[in-house]
PDB file of all heavy atoms in Angstrom:
ATOM      1  N   THR A   1      -1.614  -7.604   8.770  1.00  0.00           N
ATOM      2  CA  THR A   1      -2.821  -8.361   8.470  1.00  0.00           C
ATOM      3  C   THR A   1      -3.839  -7.485   7.757  1.00  0.00           C
ATOM      4  O   THR A   1      -3.745  -6.258   7.743  1.00  0.00           O
ATOM      5  CB  THR A   1      -3.456  -8.924   9.752  1.00  0.00           C
ATOM      6  OG1 THR A   1      -3.800  -7.833  10.622  1.00  0.00           O
ATOM      7  CG2 THR A   1      -2.511  -9.875  10.465  1.00  0.00           C
ATOM      8  N   VAL A   2      -4.825  -8.144   7.171  1.00  0.00           N
ATOM      9  CA  VAL A   2      -5.937  -7.467   6.508  1.00  0.00           C
ATOM     10  C   VAL A   2      -7.226  -8.107   7.009  1.00  0.00           C
ATOM     11  O   VAL A   2      -7.209  -9.104   7.736  1.00  0.00           O
ATOM     12  CB  VAL A   2      -5.842  -7.587   4.972  1.00  0.00           C
ATOM     13  CG1 VAL A   2      -4.614  -6.853   4.451  1.00  0.00           C
ATOM     14  CG2 VAL A   2      -5.809  -9.056   4.538  1.00  0.00           C
ATOM     15  N   HIS A   3      -8.366  -7.527   6.622  1.00  0.00           N
ATOM     16  CA  HIS A   3      -9.646  -8.136   6.948  1.00  0.00           C
ATOM     17  C   HIS A   3      -9.765  -9.471   6.211  1.00  0.00           C
ATOM     18  O   HIS A   3      -9.518  -9.554   5.006  1.00  0.00           O
ATOM     19  CB  HIS A   3     -10.786  -7.224   6.522  1.00  0.00           C
ATOM     20  CG  HIS A   3     -10.838  -5.947   7.300  1.00  0.00           C
ATOM     21  ND1 HIS A   3     -11.524  -4.834   6.873  1.00  0.00           N
ATOM     22  CD2 HIS A   3     -10.272  -5.601   8.484  1.00  0.00           C
ATOM     23  CE1 HIS A   3     -11.387  -3.867   7.758  1.00  0.00           C
ATOM     24  NE2 HIS A   3     -10.635  -4.305   8.741  1.00  0.00           N
ATOM     25  N   GLY A   4     -10.175 -10.493   6.943  1.00  0.00           N
ATOM     26  CA  GLY A   4     -10.339 -11.796   6.335  1.00  0.00           C
ATOM     27  C   GLY A   4     -11.782 -12.066   5.957  1.00  0.00           C
ATOM     28  O   GLY A   4     -12.668 -11.229   6.117  1.00  0.00           O
ATOM     29  N   MET A   5     -12.013 -13.264   5.487  1.00  0.00           N
ATOM     30  CA  MET A   5     -13.370 -13.681   5.136  1.00  0.00           C
ATOM     31  C   MET A   5     -14.185 -14.050   6.365  1.00  0.00           C
ATOM     32  O   MET A   5     -15.402 -14.209   6.290  1.00  0.00           O
ATOM     33  CB  MET A   5     -13.306 -14.879   4.188  1.00  0.00           C
ATOM     34  CG  MET A   5     -12.755 -14.559   2.818  1.00  0.00           C
ATOM     35  SD  MET A   5     -13.952 -13.700   1.789  1.00  0.00           S
ATOM     36  CE  MET A   5     -14.971 -15.074   1.233  1.00  0.00           C
ATOM     37  N   GLN A   6     -13.503 -14.190   7.495  1.00  0.00           N
ATOM     38  CA  GLN A   6     -14.177 -14.422   8.763  1.00  0.00           C
ATOM     39  C   GLN A   6     -13.803 -13.296   9.722  1.00  0.00           C
ATOM     40  O   GLN A   6     -13.176 -12.317   9.318  1.00  0.00           O
ATOM     41  CB  GLN A   6     -13.789 -15.805   9.294  1.00  0.00           C
ATOM     42  CG  GLN A   6     -14.241 -16.934   8.359  1.00  0.00           C
ATOM     43  CD  GLN A   6     -13.786 -18.303   8.824  1.00  0.00           C
ATOM     44  OE1 GLN A   6     -12.610 -18.616   8.830  1.00  0.00           O
ATOM     45  NE2 GLN A   6     -14.753 -19.127   9.213  1.00  0.00           N
ATOM     46  N   ALA A   7     -14.167 -13.420  10.969  1.00  0.00           N
ATOM     47  CA  ALA A   7     -13.929 -12.326  11.907  1.00  0.00           C
ATOM     48  C   ALA A   7     -12.450 -12.097  12.180  1.00  0.00           C
ATOM     49  O   ALA A   7     -12.029 -10.971  12.464  1.00  0.00           O
ATOM     50  CB  ALA A   7     -14.672 -12.608  13.215  1.00  0.00           C
ATOM     51  N   GLU A   8     -11.636 -13.157  12.105  1.00  0.00           N
ATOM     52  CA  GLU A   8     -10.225 -13.029  12.419  1.00  0.00           C
ATOM     53  C   GLU A   8      -9.471 -12.330  11.290  1.00  0.00           C
ATOM     54  O   GLU A   8      -9.790 -12.500  10.112  1.00  0.00           O
ATOM     55  CB  GLU A   8      -9.594 -14.415  12.650  1.00  0.00           C
ATOM     56  CG  GLU A   8     -10.219 -15.213  13.768  1.00  0.00           C
ATOM     57  CD  GLU A   8     -11.510 -15.888  13.352  1.00  0.00           C
ATOM     58  OE1 GLU A   8     -11.788 -15.944  12.132  1.00  0.00           O
ATOM     59  OE2 GLU A   8     -12.261 -16.329  14.246  1.00  0.00           O
ATOM     60  N   PRO A   9      -8.430 -11.549  11.639  1.00  0.00           N
ATOM     61  CA  PRO A   9      -7.593 -10.950  10.599  1.00  0.00           C
ATOM     62  C   PRO A   9      -6.843 -12.037   9.841  1.00  0.00           C
ATOM     63  O   PRO A   9      -6.642 -13.150  10.342  1.00  0.00           O
ATOM     64  CB  PRO A   9      -6.638 -10.037  11.371  1.00  0.00           C
ATOM     65  CG  PRO A   9      -6.626 -10.576  12.763  1.00  0.00           C
ATOM     66  CD  PRO A   9      -7.994 -11.158  12.999  1.00  0.00           C
ATOM     67  N   ALA A  10      -6.413 -11.704   8.631  1.00  0.00           N
ATOM     68  CA  ALA A  10      -5.771 -12.686   7.753  1.00  0.00           C
ATOM     69  C   ALA A  10      -4.485 -12.121   7.174  1.00  0.00           C
ATOM     70  O   ALA A  10      -4.266 -10.903   7.148  1.00  0.00           O
ATOM     71  CB  ALA A  10      -6.732 -13.067   6.617  1.00  0.00           C
ATOM     72  N   ALA A  11      -3.646 -13.013   6.705  1.00  0.00           N
ATOM     73  CA  ALA A  11      -2.442 -12.586   5.993  1.00  0.00           C
ATOM     74  C   ALA A  11      -2.843 -11.986   4.644  1.00  0.00           C
ATOM     75  O   ALA A  11      -3.782 -12.469   4.001  1.00  0.00           O
ATOM     76  CB  ALA A  11      -1.516 -13.776   5.782  1.00  0.00           C
ATOM     77  N   PRO A  12      -2.173 -10.941   4.208  1.00  0.00           N
ATOM     78  CA  PRO A  12      -2.555 -10.297   2.943  1.00  0.00           C
ATOM     79  C   PRO A  12      -2.192 -11.138   1.731  1.00  0.00           C
ATOM     80  O   PRO A  12      -1.223 -11.894   1.747  1.00  0.00           O
ATOM     81  CB  PRO A  12      -1.758  -8.990   2.969  1.00  0.00           C
ATOM     82  CG  PRO A  12      -0.571  -9.286   3.829  1.00  0.00           C
ATOM     83  CD  PRO A  12      -1.055 -10.255   4.874  1.00  0.00           C
ATOM     84  N   ASP A  13      -2.995 -11.007   0.689  1.00  0.00           N
ATOM     85  CA  ASP A  13      -2.677 -11.643  -0.586  1.00  0.00           C
ATOM     86  C   ASP A  13      -1.608 -10.859  -1.353  1.00  0.00           C
ATOM     87  O   ASP A  13      -0.905 -11.432  -2.192  1.00  0.00           O
ATOM     88  CB  ASP A  13      -3.933 -11.731  -1.468  1.00  0.00           C
ATOM     89  CG  ASP A  13      -4.959 -12.714  -0.941  1.00  0.00           C
ATOM     90  OD1 ASP A  13      -4.553 -13.723  -0.331  1.00  0.00           O
ATOM     91  OD2 ASP A  13      -6.163 -12.461  -1.129  1.00  0.00           O
ATOM     92  N   TRP A  14      -1.495  -9.567  -1.075  1.00  0.00           N
ATOM     93  CA  TRP A  14      -0.649  -8.688  -1.881  1.00  0.00           C
ATOM     94  C   TRP A  14       0.334  -7.932  -1.004  1.00  0.00           C
ATOM     95  O   TRP A  14       0.005  -7.542   0.116  1.00  0.00           O
ATOM     96  CB  TRP A  14      -1.512  -7.679  -2.661  1.00  0.00           C
ATOM     97  CG  TRP A  14      -2.629  -8.343  -3.407  1.00  0.00           C
ATOM     98  CD1 TRP A  14      -3.959  -8.264  -3.145  1.00  0.00           C
ATOM     99  CD2 TRP A  14      -2.493  -9.243  -4.509  1.00  0.00           C
ATOM    100  NE1 TRP A  14      -4.676  -9.041  -4.015  1.00  0.00           N
ATOM    101  CE2 TRP A  14      -3.802  -9.654  -4.875  1.00  0.00           C
ATOM    102  CE3 TRP A  14      -1.416  -9.733  -5.239  1.00  0.00           C
ATOM    103  CZ2 TRP A  14      -4.045 -10.528  -5.923  1.00  0.00           C
ATOM    104  CZ3 TRP A  14      -1.650 -10.611  -6.279  1.00  0.00           C
ATOM    105  CH2 TRP A  14      -2.954 -10.997  -6.618  1.00  0.00           C
ATOM    106  N   PRO A  15       1.551  -7.701  -1.501  1.00  0.00           N
ATOM    107  CA  PRO A  15       2.522  -6.920  -0.719  1.00  0.00           C
ATOM    108  C   PRO A  15       2.061  -5.476  -0.565  1.00  0.00           C
ATOM    109  O   PRO A  15       1.330  -4.945  -1.400  1.00  0.00           O
ATOM    110  CB  PRO A  15       3.804  -7.005  -1.551  1.00  0.00           C
ATOM    111  CG  PRO A  15       3.329  -7.274  -2.946  1.00  0.00           C
ATOM    112  CD  PRO A  15       2.088  -8.116  -2.802  1.00  0.00           C
ATOM    113  N   ARG A  16       2.482  -4.869   0.529  1.00  0.00           N
ATOM    114  CA  ARG A  16       2.150  -3.469   0.748  1.00  0.00           C
ATOM    115  C   ARG A  16       2.834  -2.579  -0.279  1.00  0.00           C
ATOM    116  O   ARG A  16       3.872  -2.930  -0.858  1.00  0.00           O
ATOM    117  CB  ARG A  16       2.597  -3.046   2.147  1.00  0.00           C
ATOM    118  CG  ARG A  16       1.715  -3.547   3.271  1.00  0.00           C
ATOM    119  CD  ARG A  16       2.189  -3.022   4.615  1.00  0.00           C
ATOM    120  NE  ARG A  16       1.150  -3.132   5.626  1.00  0.00           N
ATOM    121  CZ  ARG A  16       1.237  -2.608   6.830  1.00  0.00           C
ATOM    122  NH1 ARG A  16       2.320  -1.933   7.193  1.00  0.00           N
ATOM    123  NH2 ARG A  16       0.248  -2.745   7.704  1.00  0.00           N
ATOM    124  N   LEU A  17       2.254  -1.422  -0.497  1.00  0.00           N
ATOM    125  CA  LEU A  17       2.886  -0.421  -1.358  1.00  0.00           C
ATOM    126  C   LEU A  17       4.233  -0.031  -0.770  1.00  0.00           C
ATOM    127  O   LEU A  17       4.346   0.232   0.435  1.00  0.00           O
ATOM    128  CB  LEU A  17       1.993   0.815  -1.472  1.00  0.00           C
ATOM    129  CG  LEU A  17       0.760   0.688  -2.363  1.00  0.00           C
ATOM    130  CD1 LEU A  17      -0.234   1.803  -2.065  1.00  0.00           C
ATOM    131  CD2 LEU A  17       1.166   0.717  -3.832  1.00  0.00           C
ATOM    132  N   GLY A  18       5.248   0.033  -1.637  1.00  0.00           N
ATOM    133  CA  GLY A  18       6.601   0.352  -1.194  1.00  0.00           C
ATOM    134  C   GLY A  18       7.107   1.655  -1.770  1.00  0.00           C
ATOM    135  O   GLY A  18       6.566   2.191  -2.749  1.00  0.00           O
ATOM    136  N   GLN A  19       8.177   2.152  -1.167  1.00  0.00           N
ATOM    137  CA  GLN A  19       8.741   3.427  -1.589  1.00  0.00           C
ATOM    138  C   GLN A  19       9.209   3.392  -3.037  1.00  0.00           C
ATOM    139  O   GLN A  19       9.003   4.339  -3.789  1.00  0.00           O
ATOM    140  CB  GLN A  19       9.918   3.791  -0.679  1.00  0.00           C
ATOM    141  CG  GLN A  19      10.484   5.185  -0.905  1.00  0.00           C
ATOM    142  CD  GLN A  19       9.492   6.276  -0.539  1.00  0.00           C
ATOM    143  OE1 GLN A  19       8.931   6.240   0.546  1.00  0.00           O
ATOM    144  NE2 GLN A  19       9.254   7.205  -1.446  1.00  0.00           N
ATOM    145  N   GLY A  20       9.844   2.275  -3.448  1.00  0.00           N
ATOM    146  CA  GLY A  20      10.369   2.196  -4.805  1.00  0.00           C
ATOM    147  C   GLY A  20       9.286   2.328  -5.864  1.00  0.00           C
ATOM    148  O   GLY A  20       9.463   3.040  -6.855  1.00  0.00           O
ATOM    149  N   GLU A  21       8.145   1.653  -5.659  1.00  0.00           N
ATOM    150  CA  GLU A  21       7.096   1.743  -6.675  1.00  0.00           C
ATOM    151  C   GLU A  21       6.410   3.105  -6.651  1.00  0.00           C
ATOM    152  O   GLU A  21       5.969   3.600  -7.696  1.00  0.00           O
ATOM    153  CB  GLU A  21       6.079   0.607  -6.526  1.00  0.00           C
ATOM    154  CG  GLU A  21       5.284   0.596  -5.253  1.00  0.00           C
ATOM    155  CD  GLU A  21       4.400  -0.644  -5.145  1.00  0.00           C
ATOM    156  OE1 GLU A  21       3.730  -1.003  -6.124  1.00  0.00           O
ATOM    157  OE2 GLU A  21       4.394  -1.255  -4.065  1.00  0.00           O
ATOM    158  N   LEU A  22       6.329   3.736  -5.485  1.00  0.00           N
ATOM    159  CA  LEU A  22       5.784   5.095  -5.442  1.00  0.00           C
ATOM    160  C   LEU A  22       6.673   6.055  -6.221  1.00  0.00           C
ATOM    161  O   LEU A  22       6.197   6.921  -6.960  1.00  0.00           O
ATOM    162  CB  LEU A  22       5.630   5.564  -3.997  1.00  0.00           C
ATOM    163  CG  LEU A  22       4.552   4.861  -3.166  1.00  0.00           C
ATOM    164  CD1 LEU A  22       4.627   5.316  -1.714  1.00  0.00           C
ATOM    165  CD2 LEU A  22       3.166   5.126  -3.733  1.00  0.00           C
ATOM    166  N   ASP A  23       7.993   5.895  -6.078  1.00  0.00           N
ATOM    167  CA  ASP A  23       8.925   6.740  -6.827  1.00  0.00           C
ATOM    168  C   ASP A  23       8.792   6.497  -8.327  1.00  0.00           C
ATOM    169  O   ASP A  23       8.804   7.442  -9.128  1.00  0.00           O
ATOM    170  CB  ASP A  23      10.361   6.465  -6.377  1.00  0.00           C
ATOM    171  CG  ASP A  23      10.628   6.930  -4.954  1.00  0.00           C
ATOM    172  OD1 ASP A  23       9.846   7.756  -4.443  1.00  0.00           O
ATOM    173  OD2 ASP A  23      11.611   6.451  -4.352  1.00  0.00           O
ATOM    174  N   ALA A  24       8.652   5.227  -8.726  1.00  0.00           N
ATOM    175  CA  ALA A  24       8.491   4.914 -10.147  1.00  0.00           C
ATOM    176  C   ALA A  24       7.166   5.453 -10.675  1.00  0.00           C
ATOM    177  O   ALA A  24       7.093   5.984 -11.798  1.00  0.00           O
ATOM    178  CB  ALA A  24       8.572   3.402 -10.353  1.00  0.00           C
ATOM    179  N   LEU A  25       6.129   5.349  -9.878  1.00  0.00           N
ATOM    180  CA  LEU A  25       4.812   5.825 -10.293  1.00  0.00           C
ATOM    181  C   LEU A  25       4.795   7.339 -10.439  1.00  0.00           C
ATOM    182  O   LEU A  25       4.054   7.887 -11.272  1.00  0.00           O
ATOM    183  CB  LEU A  25       3.779   5.365  -9.264  1.00  0.00           C
ATOM    184  CG  LEU A  25       2.296   5.436  -9.620  1.00  0.00           C
ATOM    185  CD1 LEU A  25       1.993   4.641 -10.879  1.00  0.00           C
ATOM    186  CD2 LEU A  25       1.453   4.937  -8.454  1.00  0.00           C
ATOM    187  N   ALA A  26       5.623   8.023  -9.672  1.00  0.00           N
ATOM    188  CA  ALA A  26       5.670   9.485  -9.724  1.00  0.00           C
ATOM    189  C   ALA A  26       6.147  10.011 -11.077  1.00  0.00           C
ATOM    190  O   ALA A  26       5.881  11.162 -11.425  1.00  0.00           O
ATOM    191  CB  ALA A  26       6.568  10.018  -8.611  1.00  0.00           C
ATOM    192  N   ARG A  27       6.818   9.171 -11.850  1.00  0.00           N
ATOM    193  CA  ARG A  27       7.242   9.608 -13.188  1.00  0.00           C
ATOM    194  C   ARG A  27       6.035   9.871 -14.081  1.00  0.00           C
ATOM    195  O   ARG A  27       6.088  10.704 -14.986  1.00  0.00           O
ATOM    196  CB  ARG A  27       8.151   8.558 -13.823  1.00  0.00           C
ATOM    197  CG  ARG A  27       9.413   8.292 -13.021  1.00  0.00           C
ATOM    198  CD  ARG A  27      10.334   7.290 -13.720  1.00  0.00           C
ATOM    199  NE  ARG A  27      11.372   6.835 -12.814  1.00  0.00           N
ATOM    200  CZ  ARG A  27      11.553   5.569 -12.441  1.00  0.00           C
ATOM    201  NH1 ARG A  27      10.763   4.615 -12.939  1.00  0.00           N
ATOM    202  NH2 ARG A  27      12.516   5.236 -11.605  1.00  0.00           N
ATOM    203  N   GLU A  28       4.942   9.163 -13.852  1.00  0.00           N
ATOM    204  CA  GLU A  28       3.715   9.382 -14.617  1.00  0.00           C
ATOM    205  C   GLU A  28       2.728  10.261 -13.857  1.00  0.00           C
ATOM    206  O   GLU A  28       1.933  10.966 -14.451  1.00  0.00           O
ATOM    207  CB  GLU A  28       3.059   8.035 -14.951  1.00  0.00           C
ATOM    208  CG  GLU A  28       1.669   8.117 -15.565  1.00  0.00           C
ATOM    209  CD  GLU A  28       1.616   8.877 -16.883  1.00  0.00           C
ATOM    210  OE1 GLU A  28       2.676   8.988 -17.555  1.00  0.00           O
ATOM    211  OE2 GLU A  28       0.537   9.377 -17.248  1.00  0.00           O
ATOM    212  N   LEU A  29       2.801  10.216 -12.527  1.00  0.00           N
ATOM    213  CA  LEU A  29       1.877  10.978 -11.693  1.00  0.00           C
ATOM    214  C   LEU A  29       2.681  11.948 -10.829  1.00  0.00           C
ATOM    215  O   LEU A  29       3.106  11.615  -9.708  1.00  0.00           O
ATOM    216  CB  LEU A  29       1.072  10.030 -10.806  1.00  0.00           C
ATOM    217  CG  LEU A  29      -0.004   9.234 -11.543  1.00  0.00           C
ATOM    218  CD1 LEU A  29      -0.285   7.912 -10.854  1.00  0.00           C
ATOM    219  CD2 LEU A  29      -1.283  10.053 -11.647  1.00  0.00           C
ATOM    220  N   PRO A  30       2.916  13.159 -11.319  1.00  0.00           N
ATOM    221  CA  PRO A  30       3.772  14.107 -10.605  1.00  0.00           C
ATOM    222  C   PRO A  30       3.301  14.457  -9.198  1.00  0.00           C
ATOM    223  O   PRO A  30       4.110  14.906  -8.381  1.00  0.00           O
ATOM    224  CB  PRO A  30       3.752  15.347 -11.514  1.00  0.00           C
ATOM    225  CG  PRO A  30       3.418  14.820 -12.870  1.00  0.00           C
ATOM    226  CD  PRO A  30       2.498  13.667 -12.639  1.00  0.00           C
ATOM    227  N   VAL A  31       2.009  14.258  -8.899  1.00  0.00           N
ATOM    228  CA  VAL A  31       1.547  14.567  -7.548  1.00  0.00           C
ATOM    229  C   VAL A  31       2.220  13.678  -6.512  1.00  0.00           C
ATOM    230  O   VAL A  31       2.214  13.999  -5.320  1.00  0.00           O
ATOM    231  CB  VAL A  31       0.013  14.438  -7.416  1.00  0.00           C
ATOM    232  CG1 VAL A  31      -0.694  15.450  -8.295  1.00  0.00           C
ATOM    233  CG2 VAL A  31      -0.447  13.016  -7.702  1.00  0.00           C
ATOM    234  N   LEU A  32       2.818  12.565  -6.952  1.00  0.00           N
ATOM    235  CA  LEU A  32       3.480  11.662  -6.026  1.00  0.00           C
ATOM    236  C   LEU A  32       4.953  11.993  -5.827  1.00  0.00           C
ATOM    237  O   LEU A  32       5.651  11.296  -5.076  1.00  0.00           O
ATOM    238  CB  LEU A  32       3.345  10.210  -6.504  1.00  0.00           C
ATOM    239  CG  LEU A  32       1.921   9.652  -6.568  1.00  0.00           C
ATOM    240  CD1 LEU A  32       1.935   8.190  -7.000  1.00  0.00           C
ATOM    241  CD2 LEU A  32       1.227   9.785  -5.220  1.00  0.00           C
ATOM    242  N   LEU A  33       5.452  13.026  -6.480  1.00  0.00           N
ATOM    243  CA  LEU A  33       6.847  13.420  -6.288  1.00  0.00           C
ATOM    244  C   LEU A  33       7.082  13.765  -4.820  1.00  0.00           C
ATOM    245  O   LEU A  33       6.273  14.437  -4.185  1.00  0.00           O
ATOM    246  CB  LEU A  33       7.186  14.610  -7.173  1.00  0.00           C
ATOM    247  CG  LEU A  33       7.287  14.318  -8.679  1.00  0.00           C
ATOM    248  CD1 LEU A  33       7.381  15.608  -9.472  1.00  0.00           C
ATOM    249  CD2 LEU A  33       8.474  13.399  -8.971  1.00  0.00           C
ATOM    250  N   GLY A  34       8.187  13.289  -4.326  1.00  0.00           N
ATOM    251  CA  GLY A  34       8.500  13.539  -2.924  1.00  0.00           C
ATOM    252  C   GLY A  34       7.711  12.677  -1.969  1.00  0.00           C
ATOM    253  O   GLY A  34       7.614  12.994  -0.781  1.00  0.00           O
ATOM    254  N   ALA A  35       7.151  11.579  -2.464  1.00  0.00           N
ATOM    255  CA  ALA A  35       6.359  10.710  -1.597  1.00  0.00           C
ATOM    256  C   ALA A  35       7.223  10.110  -0.498  1.00  0.00           C
ATOM    257  O   ALA A  35       8.319   9.604  -0.757  1.00  0.00           O
ATOM    258  CB  ALA A  35       5.724   9.595  -2.421  1.00  0.00           C
ATOM    259  N   SER A  36       6.728  10.193   0.718  1.00  0.00           N
ATOM    260  CA  SER A  36       7.403   9.563   1.841  1.00  0.00           C
ATOM    261  C   SER A  36       6.768   8.202   2.099  1.00  0.00           C
ATOM    262  O   SER A  36       5.914   7.749   1.332  1.00  0.00           O
ATOM    263  CB  SER A  36       7.282  10.455   3.081  1.00  0.00           C
ATOM    264  OG  SER A  36       5.916  10.619   3.421  1.00  0.00           O
ATOM    265  N   ARG A  37       7.167   7.550   3.158  1.00  0.00           N
ATOM    266  CA  ARG A  37       6.529   6.280   3.486  1.00  0.00           C
ATOM    267  C   ARG A  37       5.027   6.493   3.679  1.00  0.00           C
ATOM    268  O   ARG A  37       4.594   7.531   4.203  1.00  0.00           O
ATOM    269  CB  ARG A  37       7.125   5.726   4.771  1.00  0.00           C
ATOM    270  CG  ARG A  37       8.525   5.153   4.608  1.00  0.00           C
ATOM    271  CD  ARG A  37       9.008   4.561   5.922  1.00  0.00           C
ATOM    272  NE  ARG A  37       8.115   3.497   6.371  1.00  0.00           N
ATOM    273  CZ  ARG A  37       8.285   2.841   7.533  1.00  0.00           C
ATOM    274  NH1 ARG A  37       9.283   3.165   8.326  1.00  0.00           N
ATOM    275  NH2 ARG A  37       7.451   1.894   7.880  1.00  0.00           N
ATOM    276  N   PRO A  38       4.221   5.522   3.275  1.00  0.00           N
ATOM    277  CA  PRO A  38       2.769   5.665   3.482  1.00  0.00           C
ATOM    278  C   PRO A  38       2.428   5.935   4.943  1.00  0.00           C
ATOM    279  O   PRO A  38       3.019   5.365   5.856  1.00  0.00           O
ATOM    280  CB  PRO A  38       2.226   4.315   3.015  1.00  0.00           C
ATOM    281  CG  PRO A  38       3.211   3.842   1.999  1.00  0.00           C
ATOM    282  CD  PRO A  38       4.549   4.292   2.517  1.00  0.00           C
ATOM    283  N   LEU A  39       1.460   6.817   5.141  1.00  0.00           N
ATOM    284  CA  LEU A  39       1.024   7.164   6.491  1.00  0.00           C
ATOM    285  C   LEU A  39       0.139   6.084   7.100  1.00  0.00           C
ATOM    286  O   LEU A  39       0.068   5.956   8.322  1.00  0.00           O
ATOM    287  CB  LEU A  39       0.259   8.488   6.447  1.00  0.00           C
ATOM    288  CG  LEU A  39       1.012   9.689   5.866  1.00  0.00           C
ATOM    289  CD1 LEU A  39       0.072  10.878   5.759  1.00  0.00           C
ATOM    290  CD2 LEU A  39       2.225  10.018   6.720  1.00  0.00           C
ATOM    291  N   TRP A  40      -0.566   5.348   6.242  1.00  0.00           N
ATOM    292  CA  TRP A  40      -1.512   4.333   6.701  1.00  0.00           C
ATOM    293  C   TRP A  40      -1.778   3.360   5.575  1.00  0.00           C
ATOM    294  O   TRP A  40      -1.932   3.758   4.420  1.00  0.00           O
ATOM    295  CB  TRP A  40      -2.819   5.011   7.137  1.00  0.00           C
ATOM    296  CG  TRP A  40      -3.962   4.085   7.398  1.00  0.00           C
ATOM    297  CD1 TRP A  40      -4.164   3.309   8.506  1.00  0.00           C
ATOM    298  CD2 TRP A  40      -5.076   3.817   6.532  1.00  0.00           C
ATOM    299  NE1 TRP A  40      -5.324   2.588   8.386  1.00  0.00           N
ATOM    300  CE2 TRP A  40      -5.918   2.889   7.195  1.00  0.00           C
ATOM    301  CE3 TRP A  40      -5.463   4.294   5.279  1.00  0.00           C
ATOM    302  CZ2 TRP A  40      -7.093   2.406   6.635  1.00  0.00           C
ATOM    303  CZ3 TRP A  40      -6.634   3.811   4.715  1.00  0.00           C
ATOM    304  CH2 TRP A  40      -7.441   2.873   5.390  1.00  0.00           C
ATOM    305  N   HIS A  41      -1.790   2.075   5.895  1.00  0.00           N
ATOM    306  CA  HIS A  41      -2.106   1.031   4.915  1.00  0.00           C
ATOM    307  C   HIS A  41      -3.517   0.531   5.157  1.00  0.00           C
ATOM    308  O   HIS A  41      -3.885   0.183   6.286  1.00  0.00           O
ATOM    309  CB  HIS A  41      -1.118  -0.134   5.025  1.00  0.00           C
ATOM    310  CG  HIS A  41       0.273   0.206   4.596  1.00  0.00           C
ATOM    311  ND1 HIS A  41       0.681   0.153   3.284  1.00  0.00           N
ATOM    312  CD2 HIS A  41       1.344   0.629   5.315  1.00  0.00           C
ATOM    313  CE1 HIS A  41       1.952   0.510   3.205  1.00  0.00           C
ATOM    314  NE2 HIS A  41       2.381   0.800   4.428  1.00  0.00           N
ATOM    315  N   SER A  42      -4.314   0.468   4.111  1.00  0.00           N
ATOM    316  CA  SER A  42      -5.689  -0.006   4.228  1.00  0.00           C
ATOM    317  C   SER A  42      -5.707  -1.489   4.595  1.00  0.00           C
ATOM    318  O   SER A  42      -4.924  -2.281   4.046  1.00  0.00           O
ATOM    319  CB  SER A  42      -6.433   0.208   2.912  1.00  0.00           C
ATOM    320  OG  SER A  42      -7.692  -0.428   2.952  1.00  0.00           O
ATOM    321  N   PRO A  43      -6.633  -1.907   5.479  1.00  0.00           N
ATOM    322  CA  PRO A  43      -6.773  -3.334   5.799  1.00  0.00           C
ATOM    323  C   PRO A  43      -7.676  -4.094   4.833  1.00  0.00           C
ATOM    324  O   PRO A  43      -7.929  -5.289   5.035  1.00  0.00           O
ATOM    325  CB  PRO A  43      -7.391  -3.305   7.202  1.00  0.00           C
ATOM    326  CG  PRO A  43      -8.230  -2.067   7.199  1.00  0.00           C
ATOM    327  CD  PRO A  43      -7.477  -1.065   6.357  1.00  0.00           C
ATOM    328  N   ARG A  44      -8.160  -3.414   3.801  1.00  0.00           N
ATOM    329  CA  ARG A  44      -9.021  -4.113   2.831  1.00  0.00           C
ATOM    330  C   ARG A  44      -8.181  -5.148   2.081  1.00  0.00           C
ATOM    331  O   ARG A  44      -7.050  -4.869   1.669  1.00  0.00           O
ATOM    332  CB  ARG A  44      -9.639  -3.119   1.863  1.00  0.00           C
ATOM    333  CG  ARG A  44     -10.250  -1.894   2.554  1.00  0.00           C
ATOM    334  CD  ARG A  44     -11.747  -1.980   2.689  1.00  0.00           C
ATOM    335  NE  ARG A  44     -12.267  -0.792   3.342  1.00  0.00           N
ATOM    336  CZ  ARG A  44     -13.196  -0.005   2.826  1.00  0.00           C
ATOM    337  NH1 ARG A  44     -13.703  -0.279   1.626  1.00  0.00           N
ATOM    338  NH2 ARG A  44     -13.640   1.039   3.491  1.00  0.00           N
ATOM    339  N   PRO A  45      -8.738  -6.333   1.825  1.00  0.00           N
ATOM    340  CA  PRO A  45      -7.883  -7.453   1.430  1.00  0.00           C
ATOM    341  C   PRO A  45      -7.576  -7.627  -0.053  1.00  0.00           C
ATOM    342  O   PRO A  45      -6.632  -8.334  -0.388  1.00  0.00           O
ATOM    343  CB  PRO A  45      -8.668  -8.660   1.936  1.00  0.00           C
ATOM    344  CG  PRO A  45     -10.103  -8.223   1.852  1.00  0.00           C
ATOM    345  CD  PRO A  45     -10.099  -6.755   2.188  1.00  0.00           C
TER     346      PRO A  45
END
């Protein structure tokens, strides 16, 4: 869940960041080489 427009948590509009896209992004951003699973996902919506 993410923060909703009201007090209750809400379903996210967007899929979480995944390992495959981090690996693809690392081709342009070398600092992401060797990226493991995200340590924490932001609840911002």
